[in-house]
Amino acid sequence: MTTEKRLQRSIDDRWIGGVCGGLADYTGVDANLIRLIVVVGTILGFGSLIVAYIVAWLIMPKADPSPYEPTPPAPAPPSE
């Protein structure tokens, strides 16, 4: 069984919208490096990457939670 690589916004590694975390998951690069590139590119590109980030935020689907991660246990009922 092969897993299909999809470009999706991250739900775990996110600061604002999960775009950089999703790109990091897709490419295998550290998310902080992608964030640094976006910040430097935004400063040097006079804000053009802000528009690209917003467009990616709107277009990229949000990643589904992993079916392999356990769900947290339900809270115990109050004791009397």
PDB file of N, CA and C in Angstrom:
ATOM      1  N   MET A   1       0.840  -1.176   0.000  1.00  0.00           N
ATOM      2  CA  MET A   1       0.000   0.000   0.000  1.00  0.00           C
ATOM      3  C   MET A   1       0.887   1.242   0.000  1.00  0.00           C
ATOM      4  N   THR A   2       0.689   2.117  -0.939  1.00  0.00           N
ATOM      5  CA  THR A   2       1.479   3.336  -1.010  1.00  0.00           C
ATOM      6  C   THR A   2       0.639   4.506  -0.511  1.00  0.00           C
ATOM      7  N   THR A   3       1.308   5.428   0.143  1.00  0.00           N
ATOM      8  CA  THR A   3       0.606   6.623   0.594  1.00  0.00           C
ATOM      9  C   THR A   3       0.822   7.710  -0.434  1.00  0.00           C
ATOM     10  N   GLU A   4      -0.236   8.369  -0.758  1.00  0.00           N
ATOM     11  CA  GLU A   4      -0.192   9.435  -1.752  1.00  0.00           C
ATOM     12  C   GLU A   4       0.177  10.740  -1.064  1.00  0.00           C
ATOM     13  N   LYS A   5       1.170  11.425  -1.611  1.00  0.00           N
ATOM     14  CA  LYS A   5       1.606  12.702  -1.078  1.00  0.00           C
ATOM     15  C   LYS A   5       0.681  13.784  -1.616  1.00  0.00           C
ATOM     16  N   ARG A   6       0.087  14.565  -0.712  1.00  0.00           N
ATOM     17  CA  ARG A   6      -0.813  15.640  -1.122  1.00  0.00           C
ATOM     18  C   ARG A   6      -0.382  16.935  -0.461  1.00  0.00           C
ATOM     19  N   LEU A   7      -0.525  18.012  -1.191  1.00  0.00           N
ATOM     20  CA  LEU A   7      -0.214  19.336  -0.650  1.00  0.00           C
ATOM     21  C   LEU A   7      -1.439  19.832   0.104  1.00  0.00           C
ATOM     22  N   GLN A   8      -1.324  19.874   1.431  1.00  0.00           N
ATOM     23  CA  GLN A   8      -2.423  20.292   2.301  1.00  0.00           C
ATOM     24  C   GLN A   8      -1.896  21.176   3.405  1.00  0.00           C
ATOM     25  N   ARG A   9      -2.773  22.046   3.909  1.00  0.00           N
ATOM     26  CA  ARG A   9      -2.391  22.862   5.062  1.00  0.00           C
ATOM     27  C   ARG A   9      -2.269  21.969   6.283  1.00  0.00           C
ATOM     28  N   SER A  10      -1.268  22.208   7.069  1.00  0.00           N
ATOM     29  CA  SER A  10      -1.022  21.394   8.257  1.00  0.00           C
ATOM     30  C   SER A  10      -1.985  21.786   9.369  1.00  0.00           C
ATOM     31  N   ILE A  11      -2.437  20.780  10.126  1.00  0.00           N
ATOM     32  CA  ILE A  11      -3.256  21.077  11.294  1.00  0.00           C
ATOM     33  C   ILE A  11      -2.430  20.998  12.575  1.00  0.00           C
ATOM     34  N   ASP A  12      -1.236  20.412  12.478  1.00  0.00           N
ATOM     35  CA  ASP A  12      -0.374  20.274  13.648  1.00  0.00           C
ATOM     36  C   ASP A  12       0.723  21.332  13.697  1.00  0.00           C
ATOM     37  N   ASP A  13       1.367  21.591  12.567  1.00  0.00           N
ATOM     38  CA  ASP A  13       2.501  22.510  12.498  1.00  0.00           C
ATOM     39  C   ASP A  13       2.047  23.800  11.845  1.00  0.00           C
ATOM     40  N   ARG A  14       1.411  24.653  12.632  1.00  0.00           N
ATOM     41  CA  ARG A  14       0.885  25.894  12.069  1.00  0.00           C
ATOM     42  C   ARG A  14       1.094  27.055  13.021  1.00  0.00           C
ATOM     43  N   TRP A  15       1.333  28.209  12.434  1.00  0.00           N
ATOM     44  CA  TRP A  15       1.402  29.439  13.206  1.00  0.00           C
ATOM     45  C   TRP A  15       0.205  30.308  12.854  1.00  0.00           C
ATOM     46  N   ILE A  16      -0.047  30.474  11.572  1.00  0.00           N
ATOM     47  CA  ILE A  16      -1.176  31.301  11.135  1.00  0.00           C
ATOM     48  C   ILE A  16      -2.204  30.421  10.432  1.00  0.00           C
ATOM     49  N   GLY A  17      -1.859  29.930   9.250  1.00  0.00           N
ATOM     50  CA  GLY A  17      -2.834  29.164   8.483  1.00  0.00           C
ATOM     51  C   GLY A  17      -2.423  27.746   8.183  1.00  0.00           C
ATOM     52  N   GLY A  18      -1.205  27.372   8.506  1.00  0.00           N
ATOM     53  CA  GLY A  18      -0.743  26.025   8.230  1.00  0.00           C
ATOM     54  C   GLY A  18      -0.143  25.832   6.852  1.00  0.00           C
ATOM     55  N   VAL A  19       0.010  26.916   6.089  1.00  0.00           N
ATOM     56  CA  VAL A  19       0.540  26.815   4.726  1.00  0.00           C
ATOM     57  C   VAL A  19       2.007  26.393   4.757  1.00  0.00           C
ATOM     58  N   CYS A  20       2.819  27.035   5.571  1.00  0.00           N
ATOM     59  CA  CYS A  20       4.244  26.693   5.633  1.00  0.00           C
ATOM     60  C   CYS A  20       4.443  25.286   6.193  1.00  0.00           C
ATOM     61  N   GLY A  21       3.654  24.908   7.181  1.00  0.00           N
ATOM     62  CA  GLY A  21       3.729  23.556   7.713  1.00  0.00           C
ATOM     63  C   GLY A  21       3.330  22.519   6.676  1.00  0.00           C
ATOM     64  N   GLY A  22       2.327  22.830   5.879  1.00  0.00           N
ATOM     65  CA  GLY A  22       1.918  21.918   4.810  1.00  0.00           C
ATOM     66  C   GLY A  22       2.975  21.794   3.731  1.00  0.00           C
ATOM     67  N   LEU A  23       3.595  22.916   3.369  1.00  0.00           N
ATOM     68  CA  LEU A  23       4.682  22.867   2.396  1.00  0.00           C
ATOM     69  C   LEU A  23       5.862  22.062   2.940  1.00  0.00           C
ATOM     70  N   ALA A  24       6.128  22.201   4.232  1.00  0.00           N
ATOM     71  CA  ALA A  24       7.219  21.450   4.852  1.00  0.00           C
ATOM     72  C   ALA A  24       6.926  19.956   4.832  1.00  0.00           C
ATOM     73  N   ASP A  25       5.704  19.570   5.143  1.00  0.00           N
ATOM     74  CA  ASP A  25       5.333  18.152   5.097  1.00  0.00           C
ATOM     75  C   ASP A  25       5.456  17.602   3.683  1.00  0.00           C
ATOM     76  N   TYR A  26       5.053  18.394   2.708  1.00  0.00           N
ATOM     77  CA  TYR A  26       5.061  17.943   1.320  1.00  0.00           C
ATOM     78  C   TYR A  26       6.474  17.800   0.762  1.00  0.00           C
ATOM     79  N   THR A  27       7.345  18.763   1.106  1.00  0.00           N
ATOM     80  CA  THR A  27       8.697  18.770   0.543  1.00  0.00           C
ATOM     81  C   THR A  27       9.718  18.047   1.405  1.00  0.00           C
ATOM     82  N   GLY A  28       9.416  17.855   2.691  1.00  0.00           N
ATOM     83  CA  GLY A  28      10.371  17.216   3.592  1.00  0.00           C
ATOM     84  C   GLY A  28      11.398  18.185   4.154  1.00  0.00           C
ATOM     85  N   VAL A  29      11.162  19.465   4.000  1.00  0.00           N
ATOM     86  CA  VAL A  29      12.059  20.506   4.509  1.00  0.00           C
ATOM     87  C   VAL A  29      11.510  20.983   5.855  1.00  0.00           C
ATOM     88  N   ASP A  30      12.377  21.478   6.728  1.00  0.00           N
ATOM     89  CA  ASP A  30      11.961  21.988   8.024  1.00  0.00           C
ATOM     90  C   ASP A  30      11.011  23.174   7.843  1.00  0.00           C
ATOM     91  N   ALA A  31       9.930  23.195   8.612  1.00  0.00           N
ATOM     92  CA  ALA A  31       8.926  24.253   8.498  1.00  0.00           C
ATOM     93  C   ALA A  31       9.499  25.621   8.842  1.00  0.00           C
ATOM     94  N   ASN A  32      10.420  25.676   9.800  1.00  0.00           N
ATOM     95  CA  ASN A  32      11.009  26.965  10.175  1.00  0.00           C
ATOM     96  C   ASN A  32      11.847  27.550   9.044  1.00  0.00           C
ATOM     97  N   LEU A  33      12.485  26.694   8.252  1.00  0.00           N
ATOM     98  CA  LEU A  33      13.242  27.180   7.103  1.00  0.00           C
ATOM     99  C   LEU A  33      12.290  27.776   6.064  1.00  0.00           C
ATOM    100  N   ILE A  34      11.165  27.129   5.842  1.00  0.00           N
ATOM    101  CA  ILE A  34      10.181  27.665   4.885  1.00  0.00           C
ATOM    102  C   ILE A  34       9.617  28.981   5.402  1.00  0.00           C
ATOM    103  N   ARG A  35       9.353  29.058   6.689  1.00  0.00           N
ATOM    104  CA  ARG A  35       8.850  30.318   7.266  1.00  0.00           C
ATOM    105  C   ARG A  35       9.872  31.439   7.113  1.00  0.00           C
ATOM    106  N   LEU A  36      11.150  31.122   7.328  1.00  0.00           N
ATOM    107  CA  LEU A  36      12.208  32.120   7.162  1.00  0.00           C
ATOM    108  C   LEU A  36      12.284  32.601   5.718  1.00  0.00           C
ATOM    109  N   ILE A  37      12.175  31.665   4.784  1.00  0.00           N
ATOM    110  CA  ILE A  37      12.201  32.033   3.358  1.00  0.00           C
ATOM    111  C   ILE A  37      11.014  32.925   3.019  1.00  0.00           C
ATOM    112  N   VAL A  38       9.846  32.615   3.565  1.00  0.00           N
ATOM    113  CA  VAL A  38       8.660  33.444   3.297  1.00  0.00           C
ATOM    114  C   VAL A  38       8.834  34.843   3.865  1.00  0.00           C
ATOM    115  N   VAL A  39       9.363  34.947   5.080  1.00  0.00           N
ATOM    116  CA  VAL A  39       9.546  36.270   5.694  1.00  0.00           C
ATOM    117  C   VAL A  39      10.569  37.087   4.911  1.00  0.00           C
ATOM    118  N   VAL A  40      11.714  36.482   4.600  1.00  0.00           N
ATOM    119  CA  VAL A  40      12.751  37.211   3.845  1.00  0.00           C
ATOM    120  C   VAL A  40      12.236  37.559   2.452  1.00  0.00           C
ATOM    121  N   GLY A  41      11.563  36.624   1.815  1.00  0.00           N
ATOM    122  CA  GLY A  41      11.003  36.901   0.485  1.00  0.00           C
ATOM    123  C   GLY A  41       9.951  37.984   0.508  1.00  0.00           C
ATOM    124  N   THR A  42       9.184  38.051   1.588  1.00  0.00           N
ATOM    125  CA  THR A  42       8.176  39.111   1.717  1.00  0.00           C
ATOM    126  C   THR A  42       8.844  40.471   1.867  1.00  0.00           C
ATOM    127  N   ILE A  43       9.896  40.511   2.675  1.00  0.00           N
ATOM    128  CA  ILE A  43      10.599  41.783   2.875  1.00  0.00           C
ATOM    129  C   ILE A  43      11.284  42.228   1.593  1.00  0.00           C
ATOM    130  N   LEU A  44      11.977  41.314   0.930  1.00  0.00           N
ATOM    131  CA  LEU A  44      12.702  41.682  -0.294  1.00  0.00           C
ATOM    132  C   LEU A  44      11.780  41.856  -1.488  1.00  0.00           C
ATOM    133  N   GLY A  45      10.640  41.190  -1.467  1.00  0.00           N
ATOM    134  CA  GLY A  45       9.706  41.277  -2.590  1.00  0.00           C
ATOM    135  C   GLY A  45       8.618  42.298  -2.384  1.00  0.00           C
ATOM    136  N   PHE A  46       8.767  43.147  -1.388  1.00  0.00           N
ATOM    137  CA  PHE A  46       7.821  44.225  -1.102  1.00  0.00           C
ATOM    138  C   PHE A  46       6.404  43.697  -0.869  1.00  0.00           C
ATOM    139  N   GLY A  47       6.310  42.578  -0.157  1.00  0.00           N
ATOM    140  CA  GLY A  47       5.007  42.068   0.240  1.00  0.00           C
ATOM    141  C   GLY A  47       4.319  41.157  -0.751  1.00  0.00           C
ATOM    142  N   SER A  48       4.987  40.811  -1.840  1.00  0.00           N
ATOM    143  CA  SER A  48       4.318  39.980  -2.845  1.00  0.00           C
ATOM    144  C   SER A  48       4.046  38.569  -2.341  1.00  0.00           C
ATOM    145  N   LEU A  49       4.866  38.059  -1.422  1.00  0.00           N
ATOM    146  CA  LEU A  49       4.627  36.714  -0.892  1.00  0.00           C
ATOM    147  C   LEU A  49       3.452  36.682   0.080  1.00  0.00           C
ATOM    148  N   ILE A  50       3.067  37.831   0.617  1.00  0.00           N
ATOM    149  CA  ILE A  50       1.869  37.875   1.462  1.00  0.00           C
ATOM    150  C   ILE A  50       0.658  37.508   0.618  1.00  0.00           C
ATOM    151  N   VAL A  51       0.589  38.040  -0.576  1.00  0.00           N
ATOM    152  CA  VAL A  51      -0.521  37.722  -1.483  1.00  0.00           C
ATOM    153  C   VAL A  51      -0.484  36.237  -1.838  1.00  0.00           C
ATOM    154  N   ALA A  52       0.696  35.705  -2.127  1.00  0.00           N
ATOM    155  CA  ALA A  52       0.827  34.284  -2.462  1.00  0.00           C
ATOM    156  C   ALA A  52       0.430  33.418  -1.269  1.00  0.00           C
ATOM    157  N   TYR A  53       0.787  33.810  -0.056  1.00  0.00           N
ATOM    158  CA  TYR A  53       0.429  33.057   1.140  1.00  0.00           C
ATOM    159  C   TYR A  53      -1.088  33.030   1.320  1.00  0.00           C
ATOM    160  N   ILE A  54      -1.729  34.167   1.146  1.00  0.00           N
ATOM    161  CA  ILE A  54      -3.185  34.239   1.305  1.00  0.00           C
ATOM    162  C   ILE A  54      -3.887  33.398   0.248  1.00  0.00           C
ATOM    163  N   VAL A  55      -3.394  33.450  -0.982  1.00  0.00           N
ATOM    164  CA  VAL A  55      -3.982  32.626  -2.044  1.00  0.00           C
ATOM    165  C   VAL A  55      -3.798  31.141  -1.724  1.00  0.00           C
ATOM    166  N   ALA A  56      -2.611  30.766  -1.254  1.00  0.00           N
ATOM    167  CA  ALA A  56      -2.374  29.368  -0.888  1.00  0.00           C
ATOM    168  C   ALA A  56      -3.271  28.960   0.275  1.00  0.00           C
ATOM    169  N   TRP A  57      -3.493  29.856   1.216  1.00  0.00           N
ATOM    170  CA  TRP A  57      -4.353  29.577   2.355  1.00  0.00           C
ATOM    171  C   TRP A  57      -5.782  29.296   1.895  1.00  0.00           C
ATOM    172  N   LEU A  58      -6.234  30.042   0.893  1.00  0.00           N
ATOM    173  CA  LEU A  58      -7.589  29.865   0.381  1.00  0.00           C
ATOM    174  C   LEU A  58      -7.724  28.626  -0.499  1.00  0.00           C
ATOM    175  N   ILE A  59      -6.675  28.279  -1.240  1.00  0.00           N
ATOM    176  CA  ILE A  59      -6.754  27.186  -2.210  1.00  0.00           C
ATOM    177  C   ILE A  59      -6.418  25.829  -1.590  1.00  0.00           C
ATOM    178  N   MET A  60      -5.415  25.778  -0.732  1.00  0.00           N
ATOM    179  CA  MET A  60      -4.968  24.496  -0.166  1.00  0.00           C
ATOM    180  C   MET A  60      -6.013  23.930   0.787  1.00  0.00           C
ATOM    181  N   PRO A  61      -6.369  22.664   0.629  1.00  0.00           N
ATOM    182  CA  PRO A  61      -7.315  22.072   1.581  1.00  0.00           C
ATOM    183  C   PRO A  61      -6.634  21.811   2.921  1.00  0.00           C
ATOM    184  N   LYS A  62      -7.428  21.817   3.961  1.00  0.00           N
ATOM    185  CA  LYS A  62      -6.921  21.524   5.293  1.00  0.00           C
ATOM    186  C   LYS A  62      -6.724  20.017   5.422  1.00  0.00           C
ATOM    187  N   ALA A  63      -5.620  19.607   6.011  1.00  0.00           N
ATOM    188  CA  ALA A  63      -5.322  18.185   6.166  1.00  0.00           C
ATOM    189  C   ALA A  63      -6.308  17.550   7.136  1.00  0.00           C
ATOM    190  N   ASP A  64      -6.671  16.317   6.838  1.00  0.00           N
ATOM    191  CA  ASP A  64      -7.534  15.557   7.737  1.00  0.00           C
ATOM    192  C   ASP A  64      -6.692  15.045   8.897  1.00  0.00           C
ATOM    193  N   PRO A  65      -7.301  14.905  10.067  1.00  0.00           N
ATOM    194  CA  PRO A  65      -6.547  14.306  11.168  1.00  0.00           C
ATOM    195  C   PRO A  65      -6.150  12.882  10.812  1.00  0.00           C
ATOM    196  N   SER A  66      -5.000  12.481  11.264  1.00  0.00           N
ATOM    197  CA  SER A  66      -4.493  11.149  10.954  1.00  0.00           C
ATOM    198  C   SER A  66      -5.368  10.092  11.613  1.00  0.00           C
ATOM    199  N   PRO A  67      -5.777   9.077  10.857  1.00  0.00           N
ATOM    200  CA  PRO A  67      -6.602   8.030  11.469  1.00  0.00           C
ATOM    201  C   PRO A  67      -5.797   7.146  12.414  1.00  0.00           C
ATOM    202  N   TYR A  68      -4.480   7.266  12.395  1.00  0.00           N
ATOM    203  CA  TYR A  68      -3.629   6.429  13.225  1.00  0.00           C
ATOM    204  C   TYR A  68      -3.332   7.038  14.584  1.00  0.00           C
ATOM    205  N   GLU A  69      -3.677   8.314  14.765  1.00  0.00           N
ATOM    206  CA  GLU A  69      -3.442   8.957  16.045  1.00  0.00           C
ATOM    207  C   GLU A  69      -4.621   8.659  16.967  1.00  0.00           C
ATOM    208  N   PRO A  70      -4.339   8.253  18.187  1.00  0.00           N
ATOM    209  CA  PRO A  70      -5.447   7.952  19.091  1.00  0.00           C
ATOM    210  C   PRO A  70      -6.188   9.219  19.490  1.00  0.00           C
ATOM    211  N   THR A  71      -7.477   9.094  19.651  1.00  0.00           N
ATOM    212  CA  THR A  71      -8.256  10.226  20.119  1.00  0.00           C
ATOM    213  C   THR A  71      -8.100  10.321  21.621  1.00  0.00           C
ATOM    214  N   PRO A  72      -8.146  11.515  22.163  1.00  0.00           N
ATOM    215  CA  PRO A  72      -7.979  11.647  23.610  1.00  0.00           C
ATOM    216  C   PRO A  72      -9.145  10.968  24.322  1.00  0.00           C
ATOM    217  N   PRO A  73      -8.884  10.406  25.499  1.00  0.00           N
ATOM    218  CA  PRO A  73      -9.966   9.729  26.221  1.00  0.00           C
ATOM    219  C   PRO A  73     -11.006  10.711  26.705  1.00  0.00           C
ATOM    220  N   ALA A  74     -12.226  10.225  26.825  1.00  0.00           N
ATOM    221  CA  ALA A  74     -13.318  11.063  27.315  1.00  0.00           C
ATOM    222  C   ALA A  74     -13.066  11.365  28.794  1.00  0.00           C
ATOM    223  N   PRO A  75     -13.478  12.543  29.227  1.00  0.00           N
ATOM    224  CA  PRO A  75     -13.268  12.875  30.648  1.00  0.00           C
ATOM    225  C   PRO A  75     -14.091  11.948  31.536  1.00  0.00           C
ATOM    226  N   ALA A  76     -13.543  11.656  32.690  1.00  0.00           N
ATOM    227  CA  ALA A  76     -14.232  10.777  33.635  1.00  0.00           C
ATOM    228  C   ALA A  76     -15.405  11.533  34.259  1.00  0.00           C
ATOM    229  N   PRO A  77     -16.465  10.801  34.571  1.00  0.00           N
ATOM    230  CA  PRO A  77     -17.598  11.477  35.222  1.00  0.00           C
ATOM    231  C   PRO A  77     -17.192  11.960  36.610  1.00  0.00           C
ATOM    232  N   PRO A  78     -17.815  13.021  37.077  1.00  0.00           N
ATOM    233  CA  PRO A  78     -17.438  13.532  38.405  1.00  0.00           C
ATOM    234  C   PRO A  78     -17.759  12.524  39.492  1.00  0.00           C
ATOM    235  N   SER A  79     -16.862  12.436  40.448  1.00  0.00           N
ATOM    236  CA  SER A  79     -17.094  11.498  41.558  1.00  0.00           C
ATOM    237  C   SER A  79     -17.945  12.172  42.624  1.00  0.00           C
ATOM    238  N   GLU A  80     -18.714  11.367  43.278  1.00  0.00           N
ATOM    239  CA  GLU A  80     -19.620  11.937  44.303  1.00  0.00           C
ATOM    240  C   GLU A  80     -19.144  11.627  45.679  1.00  0.00           C
TER     241      GLU A  80
END
